[in-house]
């Protein structure tokens, strides 16, 4: 798959919010050494991170998509930041979040990982296994809320664009 970067105009076929060059500069400016791979793997990580952002947060983003037929959730029309400035194109914090999610993909993390559920669909919180004399202990989240792994460094970049009145994953 060819990476097509969204430039803020609703690019047809866009599948990433940032280019490899942007991500390289982002991590280089921060002295991060965990963004190391070949260009092909970096492109795939950026596409996966864009997919993750749109899948997990897309329905909760403030404002409306600029064009209902655009492939990604951004650009958006009528979006404001926390200082009530109009956000045009692809916000810098969205680009930063895309980078932060992508570096987790490079390090082997599966962003949209299936949760470990019990046979009754409760989220497994902890598991204790003792070998001799055999003992097993399981702890489940009985709230039955949907599960989303947290990535604070990346998630915080998106906070200005999320409508918190809509259902939020924990």
N, C-alpha and C. Protein backbone atom coordinates (compact mmCIF):
# COMPACT_ATOMS: atom_id res chain seq x y z
N UNK A 1 0.86 -1.18 0.00
CA UNK A 1 0.00 0.00 0.00
C UNK A 1 0.90 1.24 0.00
N UNK A 2 0.54 2.17 -0.82
CA UNK A 2 1.27 3.42 -0.91
C UNK A 2 0.73 4.40 0.13
N UNK A 3 1.63 5.06 0.84
CA UNK A 3 1.20 6.05 1.82
C UNK A 3 0.87 7.36 1.11
N UNK A 4 -0.32 7.87 1.39
CA UNK A 4 -0.77 9.15 0.84
C UNK A 4 -1.08 10.06 2.03
N UNK A 5 -0.34 11.14 2.15
CA UNK A 5 -0.44 12.03 3.31
C UNK A 5 -1.53 13.08 3.08
N UNK A 6 -2.39 13.22 4.08
CA UNK A 6 -3.43 14.26 4.08
C UNK A 6 -2.76 15.61 4.33
N UNK A 7 -3.02 16.57 3.45
CA UNK A 7 -2.40 17.89 3.59
C UNK A 7 -3.36 18.95 4.13
N UNK A 8 -4.57 18.53 4.48
CA UNK A 8 -5.55 19.48 5.00
C UNK A 8 -6.58 19.90 3.98
N UNK A 9 -6.51 19.34 2.77
CA UNK A 9 -7.46 19.71 1.73
C UNK A 9 -8.42 18.58 1.39
N UNK A 10 -8.37 17.47 2.14
CA UNK A 10 -9.24 16.34 1.86
C UNK A 10 -8.71 15.51 0.71
N UNK A 11 -7.45 15.17 0.76
CA UNK A 11 -6.76 14.45 -0.31
C UNK A 11 -7.44 13.10 -0.58
N UNK A 12 -7.75 12.85 -1.84
CA UNK A 12 -8.38 11.60 -2.26
C UNK A 12 -7.43 10.43 -1.98
N UNK A 13 -7.88 9.44 -1.24
CA UNK A 13 -7.08 8.27 -0.95
C UNK A 13 -6.09 8.44 0.20
N UNK A 14 -6.14 9.56 0.90
CA UNK A 14 -5.20 9.79 2.01
C UNK A 14 -5.35 8.70 3.06
N UNK A 15 -4.21 8.28 3.61
CA UNK A 15 -4.25 7.25 4.64
C UNK A 15 -3.29 7.53 5.80
N UNK A 16 -2.71 8.73 5.83
CA UNK A 16 -1.84 9.11 6.94
C UNK A 16 -1.94 10.61 7.18
N UNK A 17 -1.85 10.99 8.45
CA UNK A 17 -1.87 12.41 8.80
C UNK A 17 -0.49 13.06 8.71
N UNK A 18 0.58 12.25 8.67
CA UNK A 18 1.92 12.81 8.58
C UNK A 18 2.80 11.98 7.65
N UNK A 19 3.84 12.60 7.18
CA UNK A 19 4.83 11.92 6.34
C UNK A 19 5.93 11.33 7.23
N UNK A 20 6.71 10.45 6.66
CA UNK A 20 7.85 9.88 7.37
C UNK A 20 8.83 11.00 7.73
N UNK A 21 9.00 11.96 6.83
CA UNK A 21 9.90 13.07 7.09
C UNK A 21 9.45 13.89 8.31
N UNK A 22 8.14 14.13 8.41
CA UNK A 22 7.61 14.86 9.57
C UNK A 22 7.91 14.07 10.85
N UNK A 23 7.61 12.77 10.83
CA UNK A 23 7.83 11.93 12.01
C UNK A 23 9.31 11.87 12.38
N UNK A 24 10.18 11.75 11.37
CA UNK A 24 11.62 11.73 11.64
C UNK A 24 12.05 13.02 12.35
N UNK A 25 11.57 14.16 11.84
CA UNK A 25 11.91 15.45 12.45
C UNK A 25 11.33 15.57 13.86
N UNK A 26 10.10 15.09 14.06
CA UNK A 26 9.44 15.12 15.37
C UNK A 26 10.29 14.38 16.41
N UNK A 27 10.69 13.16 16.08
CA UNK A 27 11.45 12.36 17.03
C UNK A 27 12.89 12.85 17.18
N UNK A 28 13.47 13.32 16.11
CA UNK A 28 14.83 13.85 16.16
C UNK A 28 14.88 15.08 17.07
N UNK A 29 13.89 15.96 16.99
CA UNK A 29 13.85 17.16 17.82
C UNK A 29 13.72 16.82 19.30
N UNK A 30 13.20 15.66 19.60
CA UNK A 30 13.01 15.24 20.99
C UNK A 30 14.09 14.27 21.46
N UNK A 31 15.04 13.99 20.61
CA UNK A 31 16.12 13.08 20.97
C UNK A 31 15.67 11.65 21.19
N UNK A 32 14.61 11.26 20.52
CA UNK A 32 14.06 9.91 20.70
C UNK A 32 14.79 8.93 19.79
N UNK A 33 15.21 7.84 20.35
CA UNK A 33 15.92 6.82 19.57
C UNK A 33 15.03 5.61 19.26
N UNK A 34 13.79 5.63 19.73
CA UNK A 34 12.92 4.48 19.52
C UNK A 34 12.19 4.52 18.18
N UNK A 35 12.43 5.53 17.37
CA UNK A 35 11.83 5.64 16.03
C UNK A 35 12.90 5.22 15.03
N UNK A 36 13.21 3.96 15.03
CA UNK A 36 14.24 3.45 14.13
C UNK A 36 13.69 2.23 13.38
N UNK A 37 13.72 2.34 12.09
CA UNK A 37 13.28 1.27 11.21
C UNK A 37 13.50 1.75 9.79
N UNK A 38 13.20 0.90 8.83
CA UNK A 38 13.32 1.37 7.45
C UNK A 38 12.08 2.18 7.07
N UNK A 39 12.17 2.90 5.98
CA UNK A 39 11.09 3.81 5.56
C UNK A 39 9.77 3.07 5.35
N UNK A 40 9.82 1.85 4.83
CA UNK A 40 8.59 1.08 4.59
C UNK A 40 7.87 0.77 5.89
N UNK A 41 8.61 0.34 6.91
CA UNK A 41 7.99 0.05 8.21
C UNK A 41 7.45 1.32 8.87
N UNK A 42 8.16 2.42 8.71
CA UNK A 42 7.69 3.69 9.26
C UNK A 42 6.38 4.11 8.59
N UNK A 43 6.30 3.96 7.27
CA UNK A 43 5.06 4.31 6.56
C UNK A 43 3.90 3.47 7.06
N UNK A 44 4.13 2.17 7.20
CA UNK A 44 3.07 1.27 7.68
C UNK A 44 2.64 1.65 9.11
N UNK A 45 3.61 2.02 9.94
CA UNK A 45 3.29 2.42 11.31
C UNK A 45 2.46 3.70 11.33
N UNK A 46 2.78 4.64 10.47
CA UNK A 46 2.02 5.90 10.40
C UNK A 46 0.61 5.66 9.87
N UNK A 47 0.46 4.76 8.92
CA UNK A 47 -0.88 4.41 8.41
C UNK A 47 -1.69 3.73 9.51
N UNK A 48 -1.08 2.79 10.22
CA UNK A 48 -1.78 2.11 11.32
C UNK A 48 -2.18 3.10 12.41
N UNK A 49 -1.31 4.05 12.70
CA UNK A 49 -1.62 5.00 13.75
C UNK A 49 -2.76 5.93 13.32
N UNK A 50 -2.78 6.30 12.05
CA UNK A 50 -3.89 7.11 11.52
C UNK A 50 -5.19 6.31 11.57
N UNK A 51 -5.13 5.05 11.17
CA UNK A 51 -6.31 4.17 11.26
C UNK A 51 -6.83 4.10 12.70
N UNK A 52 -5.89 3.98 13.64
CA UNK A 52 -6.25 3.89 15.05
C UNK A 52 -6.96 5.16 15.53
N UNK A 53 -6.39 6.30 15.20
CA UNK A 53 -6.99 7.58 15.60
C UNK A 53 -8.41 7.70 15.07
N UNK A 54 -8.59 7.41 13.79
CA UNK A 54 -9.92 7.54 13.19
C UNK A 54 -10.91 6.52 13.76
N UNK A 55 -10.44 5.29 14.01
CA UNK A 55 -11.33 4.25 14.53
C UNK A 55 -11.74 4.50 15.97
N UNK A 56 -10.81 4.92 16.80
CA UNK A 56 -11.07 5.06 18.22
C UNK A 56 -11.70 6.41 18.57
N UNK A 57 -11.26 7.47 17.93
CA UNK A 57 -11.71 8.81 18.30
C UNK A 57 -12.62 9.47 17.26
N UNK A 58 -12.71 8.91 16.07
CA UNK A 58 -13.40 9.56 14.96
C UNK A 58 -14.79 10.07 15.26
N UNK A 59 -15.62 9.25 15.87
CA UNK A 59 -17.01 9.66 16.15
C UNK A 59 -17.09 10.68 17.28
N UNK A 60 -15.98 10.88 18.00
CA UNK A 60 -15.98 11.82 19.12
C UNK A 60 -15.32 13.15 18.79
N UNK A 61 -14.77 13.29 17.58
CA UNK A 61 -14.14 14.55 17.23
C UNK A 61 -15.17 15.65 17.11
N UNK A 62 -14.79 16.83 17.57
CA UNK A 62 -15.65 18.01 17.47
C UNK A 62 -15.75 18.44 16.01
N UNK A 63 -16.79 19.18 15.70
CA UNK A 63 -17.00 19.75 14.37
C UNK A 63 -17.32 18.66 13.35
N UNK A 64 -17.43 19.06 12.12
CA UNK A 64 -17.83 18.14 11.04
C UNK A 64 -16.68 17.95 10.07
N UNK A 65 -16.67 16.77 9.43
CA UNK A 65 -15.69 16.54 8.38
C UNK A 65 -15.88 17.60 7.29
N UNK A 66 -14.80 18.07 6.73
CA UNK A 66 -14.86 19.08 5.69
C UNK A 66 -15.67 18.58 4.51
N UNK A 67 -15.47 17.34 4.15
CA UNK A 67 -16.21 16.69 3.06
C UNK A 67 -16.65 15.32 3.57
N UNK A 68 -17.94 15.00 3.52
CA UNK A 68 -18.38 13.72 4.08
C UNK A 68 -17.78 12.51 3.37
N UNK A 69 -17.22 12.71 2.19
CA UNK A 69 -16.65 11.60 1.44
C UNK A 69 -15.13 11.51 1.54
N UNK A 70 -14.51 12.40 2.32
CA UNK A 70 -13.06 12.33 2.48
C UNK A 70 -12.70 11.06 3.23
N UNK A 71 -11.55 10.48 2.93
CA UNK A 71 -11.21 9.18 3.52
C UNK A 71 -10.85 9.21 5.00
N UNK A 72 -10.38 10.33 5.51
CA UNK A 72 -9.99 10.43 6.91
C UNK A 72 -10.91 11.38 7.68
N UNK A 73 -10.81 11.37 8.98
CA UNK A 73 -11.65 12.22 9.83
C UNK A 73 -11.25 13.69 9.78
N UNK A 74 -10.04 13.99 9.37
CA UNK A 74 -9.59 15.37 9.21
C UNK A 74 -9.24 15.59 7.76
N UNK A 75 -9.45 16.82 7.27
CA UNK A 75 -9.74 18.07 7.95
C UNK A 75 -11.20 18.16 8.38
N UNK A 76 -11.44 19.10 9.32
CA UNK A 76 -12.78 19.32 9.85
C UNK A 76 -13.13 20.80 9.74
N UNK A 77 -14.42 21.05 9.62
CA UNK A 77 -14.94 22.41 9.46
C UNK A 77 -15.52 22.88 10.79
N UNK A 78 -15.12 24.07 11.25
CA UNK A 78 -15.65 24.63 12.49
C UNK A 78 -14.99 24.09 13.73
N UNK A 79 -13.74 23.68 13.63
CA UNK A 79 -12.99 23.15 14.77
C UNK A 79 -12.18 24.27 15.41
N UNK A 80 -12.24 24.32 16.74
CA UNK A 80 -11.50 25.33 17.50
C UNK A 80 -10.61 24.63 18.51
N UNK A 81 -9.46 25.25 18.81
CA UNK A 81 -8.61 24.70 19.86
C UNK A 81 -9.05 25.26 21.21
N UNK A 82 -8.32 24.94 22.26
CA UNK A 82 -8.71 25.36 23.61
C UNK A 82 -8.67 26.87 23.79
N UNK A 83 -7.96 27.58 22.91
CA UNK A 83 -7.87 29.03 22.99
C UNK A 83 -8.88 29.72 22.07
N UNK A 84 -9.80 28.92 21.54
CA UNK A 84 -10.85 29.39 20.64
C UNK A 84 -10.30 29.92 19.32
N UNK A 85 -9.16 29.41 18.92
CA UNK A 85 -8.61 29.72 17.60
C UNK A 85 -9.16 28.70 16.61
N UNK A 86 -9.50 29.14 15.42
CA UNK A 86 -9.98 28.23 14.38
C UNK A 86 -8.83 27.33 13.95
N UNK A 87 -9.11 26.02 13.88
CA UNK A 87 -8.11 25.06 13.44
C UNK A 87 -8.35 24.79 11.97
N UNK A 88 -7.34 25.05 11.17
CA UNK A 88 -7.44 24.85 9.73
C UNK A 88 -6.50 23.72 9.32
N UNK A 89 -6.99 22.85 8.46
CA UNK A 89 -6.16 21.76 7.96
C UNK A 89 -5.97 20.66 8.98
N UNK A 90 -4.75 20.17 9.07
CA UNK A 90 -4.41 19.10 10.00
C UNK A 90 -3.72 19.73 11.20
N UNK A 91 -4.34 19.68 12.39
CA UNK A 91 -3.75 20.32 13.57
C UNK A 91 -2.40 19.71 13.94
N UNK A 92 -1.51 20.55 14.44
CA UNK A 92 -0.18 20.08 14.85
C UNK A 92 -0.27 18.98 15.90
N UNK A 93 -1.19 19.13 16.84
CA UNK A 93 -1.30 18.10 17.88
C UNK A 93 -1.81 16.77 17.35
N UNK A 94 -2.60 16.80 16.29
CA UNK A 94 -3.03 15.55 15.65
C UNK A 94 -1.82 14.89 14.99
N UNK A 95 -0.96 15.68 14.38
CA UNK A 95 0.26 15.14 13.78
C UNK A 95 1.17 14.53 14.85
N UNK A 96 1.30 15.23 15.97
CA UNK A 96 2.14 14.72 17.06
C UNK A 96 1.59 13.42 17.62
N UNK A 97 0.26 13.35 17.78
CA UNK A 97 -0.37 12.12 18.28
C UNK A 97 -0.13 10.98 17.30
N UNK A 98 -0.24 11.26 16.00
CA UNK A 98 0.00 10.25 14.98
C UNK A 98 1.41 9.68 15.13
N UNK A 99 2.36 10.55 15.36
CA UNK A 99 3.75 10.10 15.56
C UNK A 99 3.88 9.24 16.82
N UNK A 100 3.27 9.68 17.90
CA UNK A 100 3.38 8.94 19.17
C UNK A 100 2.75 7.55 19.08
N UNK A 101 1.61 7.45 18.40
CA UNK A 101 1.02 6.12 18.21
C UNK A 101 1.90 5.27 17.31
N UNK A 102 2.45 5.88 16.26
CA UNK A 102 3.27 5.14 15.30
C UNK A 102 4.52 4.55 15.94
N UNK A 103 5.15 5.27 16.85
CA UNK A 103 6.36 4.74 17.48
C UNK A 103 6.03 3.51 18.32
N UNK A 104 4.82 3.43 18.82
CA UNK A 104 4.41 2.24 19.57
C UNK A 104 4.25 1.04 18.63
N UNK A 105 3.78 1.31 17.42
CA UNK A 105 3.69 0.25 16.41
C UNK A 105 5.09 -0.25 16.06
N UNK A 106 6.03 0.68 15.86
CA UNK A 106 7.42 0.32 15.54
C UNK A 106 8.01 -0.56 16.65
N UNK A 107 7.65 -0.27 17.90
CA UNK A 107 8.20 -1.04 19.02
C UNK A 107 7.46 -2.36 19.25
N UNK A 108 6.49 -2.67 18.38
CA UNK A 108 5.84 -3.97 18.45
C UNK A 108 4.47 -3.99 19.10
N UNK A 109 3.95 -2.85 19.48
CA UNK A 109 2.63 -2.79 20.11
C UNK A 109 1.53 -2.85 19.05
N UNK A 110 0.49 -3.61 19.33
CA UNK A 110 -0.69 -3.65 18.46
C UNK A 110 -1.70 -2.67 19.04
N UNK A 111 -1.93 -1.56 18.34
CA UNK A 111 -2.78 -0.50 18.87
C UNK A 111 -4.22 -0.96 19.10
N UNK A 112 -4.79 -1.63 18.13
CA UNK A 112 -6.17 -2.10 18.24
C UNK A 112 -6.17 -3.59 18.58
N UNK A 113 -5.65 -3.89 19.73
CA UNK A 113 -5.52 -5.26 20.19
C UNK A 113 -6.84 -5.76 20.76
N UNK A 114 -7.18 -7.00 20.45
CA UNK A 114 -8.37 -7.60 21.04
C UNK A 114 -8.14 -7.78 22.54
N UNK A 115 -9.10 -7.36 23.37
CA UNK A 115 -8.93 -7.52 24.82
C UNK A 115 -9.03 -8.98 25.23
N UNK A 116 -8.44 -9.31 26.36
CA UNK A 116 -8.50 -10.65 26.92
C UNK A 116 -9.76 -10.74 27.78
N UNK A 117 -10.78 -11.40 27.26
CA UNK A 117 -12.07 -11.46 27.94
C UNK A 117 -12.35 -12.86 28.46
N UNK A 118 -13.19 -12.92 29.47
CA UNK A 118 -13.62 -14.21 29.99
C UNK A 118 -14.68 -14.79 29.05
N UNK A 119 -15.13 -15.99 29.34
CA UNK A 119 -16.17 -16.60 28.51
C UNK A 119 -17.50 -15.85 28.64
N UNK A 120 -17.62 -15.00 29.66
CA UNK A 120 -18.83 -14.19 29.82
C UNK A 120 -18.61 -12.75 29.38
N UNK A 121 -17.53 -12.51 28.63
CA UNK A 121 -17.20 -11.21 28.05
C UNK A 121 -16.83 -10.12 29.04
N UNK A 122 -16.27 -10.50 30.18
CA UNK A 122 -15.73 -9.51 31.10
C UNK A 122 -14.24 -9.40 30.87
N UNK A 123 -13.70 -8.20 31.01
CA UNK A 123 -12.29 -7.94 30.77
C UNK A 123 -11.44 -8.55 31.88
N UNK A 124 -10.44 -9.34 31.49
CA UNK A 124 -9.52 -9.93 32.45
C UNK A 124 -8.58 -8.85 32.96
N UNK A 125 -8.59 -8.60 34.28
CA UNK A 125 -7.72 -7.60 34.87
C UNK A 125 -6.40 -8.20 35.34
N UNK A 126 -6.47 -9.37 35.95
CA UNK A 126 -5.24 -10.01 36.42
C UNK A 126 -5.42 -11.52 36.44
N UNK A 127 -4.29 -12.20 36.35
CA UNK A 127 -4.29 -13.65 36.36
C UNK A 127 -3.09 -14.11 37.19
N UNK A 128 -3.32 -15.01 38.11
CA UNK A 128 -2.25 -15.54 38.95
C UNK A 128 -2.24 -17.05 38.78
N UNK A 129 -1.10 -17.61 38.46
CA UNK A 129 -0.97 -19.05 38.30
C UNK A 129 0.15 -19.53 39.21
N UNK A 130 -0.11 -20.56 40.00
CA UNK A 130 0.89 -21.15 40.88
C UNK A 130 1.05 -22.60 40.47
N UNK A 131 2.26 -23.06 40.27
CA UNK A 131 2.49 -24.38 39.72
C UNK A 131 2.32 -25.50 40.74
N UNK A 132 2.95 -25.43 41.87
CA UNK A 132 2.76 -26.54 42.77
C UNK A 132 2.30 -26.09 44.15
N UNK A 133 1.48 -26.75 44.78
CA UNK A 133 0.24 -27.39 44.37
C UNK A 133 -0.61 -26.40 43.56
N UNK A 134 -1.11 -26.88 42.47
CA UNK A 134 -1.73 -26.06 41.42
C UNK A 134 -2.75 -25.07 41.96
N UNK A 135 -2.65 -23.84 41.50
CA UNK A 135 -3.56 -22.78 41.93
C UNK A 135 -3.71 -21.78 40.79
N UNK A 136 -4.92 -21.38 40.49
CA UNK A 136 -5.18 -20.34 39.49
C UNK A 136 -6.10 -19.30 40.11
N UNK A 137 -5.88 -18.06 39.79
CA UNK A 137 -6.72 -16.98 40.31
C UNK A 137 -6.90 -15.94 39.21
N UNK A 138 -8.14 -15.57 38.95
CA UNK A 138 -8.45 -14.60 37.91
C UNK A 138 -9.24 -13.44 38.51
N UNK A 139 -9.03 -12.26 37.99
CA UNK A 139 -9.77 -11.08 38.42
C UNK A 139 -10.32 -10.41 37.17
N UNK A 140 -11.62 -10.11 37.18
CA UNK A 140 -12.27 -9.52 36.01
C UNK A 140 -12.89 -8.17 36.33
N UNK A 141 -12.92 -7.31 35.33
CA UNK A 141 -13.63 -6.03 35.43
C UNK A 141 -15.10 -6.33 35.16
N UNK A 142 -15.92 -6.21 36.17
CA UNK A 142 -17.33 -6.57 36.04
C UNK A 142 -18.21 -5.42 35.53
N UNK A 143 -17.61 -4.28 35.22
CA UNK A 143 -18.40 -3.14 34.76
C UNK A 143 -18.90 -3.33 33.34
N UNK A 144 -18.25 -4.23 32.59
CA UNK A 144 -18.66 -4.55 31.23
C UNK A 144 -18.58 -3.35 30.30
N UNK A 145 -17.66 -2.42 30.59
CA UNK A 145 -17.44 -1.28 29.70
C UNK A 145 -16.48 -1.69 28.60
N UNK A 146 -16.59 -1.07 27.43
CA UNK A 146 -15.61 -1.36 26.37
C UNK A 146 -14.21 -1.00 26.83
N UNK A 147 -13.26 -1.73 26.34
CA UNK A 147 -11.87 -1.56 26.76
C UNK A 147 -11.06 -0.88 25.66
N UNK A 148 -10.26 0.08 26.04
CA UNK A 148 -9.31 0.72 25.14
C UNK A 148 -8.02 0.92 25.91
N UNK A 149 -6.93 0.42 25.35
CA UNK A 149 -5.63 0.62 25.97
C UNK A 149 -5.30 2.10 25.95
N UNK A 150 -4.72 2.58 27.03
CA UNK A 150 -4.38 4.00 27.12
C UNK A 150 -2.95 4.24 26.67
N UNK A 151 -2.76 5.32 25.93
CA UNK A 151 -1.45 5.79 25.50
C UNK A 151 -1.38 7.27 25.86
N UNK A 152 -1.12 7.61 27.13
CA UNK A 152 -1.23 9.00 27.59
C UNK A 152 -0.45 10.02 26.77
N UNK A 153 0.77 9.69 26.37
CA UNK A 153 1.58 10.65 25.61
C UNK A 153 0.89 11.02 24.30
N UNK A 154 0.27 10.07 23.67
CA UNK A 154 -0.43 10.33 22.41
C UNK A 154 -1.85 10.83 22.65
N UNK A 155 -2.57 10.18 23.55
CA UNK A 155 -3.97 10.56 23.81
C UNK A 155 -4.11 12.03 24.21
N UNK A 156 -3.17 12.53 25.01
CA UNK A 156 -3.26 13.92 25.49
C UNK A 156 -3.17 14.94 24.37
N UNK A 157 -2.47 14.61 23.31
CA UNK A 157 -2.40 15.53 22.18
C UNK A 157 -3.77 15.77 21.54
N UNK A 158 -4.67 14.80 21.66
CA UNK A 158 -5.97 14.88 21.00
C UNK A 158 -7.06 15.52 21.85
N UNK A 159 -6.77 15.82 23.10
CA UNK A 159 -7.82 16.25 24.05
C UNK A 159 -8.60 17.48 23.59
N UNK A 160 -7.98 18.41 22.89
CA UNK A 160 -8.70 19.61 22.45
C UNK A 160 -9.73 19.33 21.37
N UNK A 161 -9.59 18.21 20.68
CA UNK A 161 -10.44 17.93 19.53
C UNK A 161 -11.54 16.92 19.83
N UNK A 162 -11.57 16.43 21.07
CA UNK A 162 -12.52 15.40 21.48
C UNK A 162 -13.71 16.02 22.20
N UNK A 163 -14.89 15.58 21.84
CA UNK A 163 -16.11 16.01 22.54
C UNK A 163 -16.32 15.03 23.69
N UNK A 164 -16.01 15.46 24.90
CA UNK A 164 -16.08 14.58 26.06
C UNK A 164 -17.51 14.28 26.51
N UNK A 165 -18.47 14.94 25.91
CA UNK A 165 -19.85 14.63 26.25
C UNK A 165 -20.30 13.32 25.61
N UNK A 166 -19.59 12.91 24.58
CA UNK A 166 -19.89 11.65 23.93
C UNK A 166 -19.25 10.53 24.73
N UNK A 167 -19.76 9.33 24.56
CA UNK A 167 -19.27 8.19 25.31
C UNK A 167 -17.77 8.07 25.17
N UNK A 168 -17.09 7.94 26.28
CA UNK A 168 -15.63 7.83 26.27
C UNK A 168 -15.21 6.46 26.77
N UNK A 169 -14.24 5.87 26.09
CA UNK A 169 -13.62 4.64 26.60
C UNK A 169 -12.83 5.01 27.83
N UNK A 170 -12.61 4.06 28.68
CA UNK A 170 -11.81 4.36 29.85
C UNK A 170 -10.37 4.14 29.55
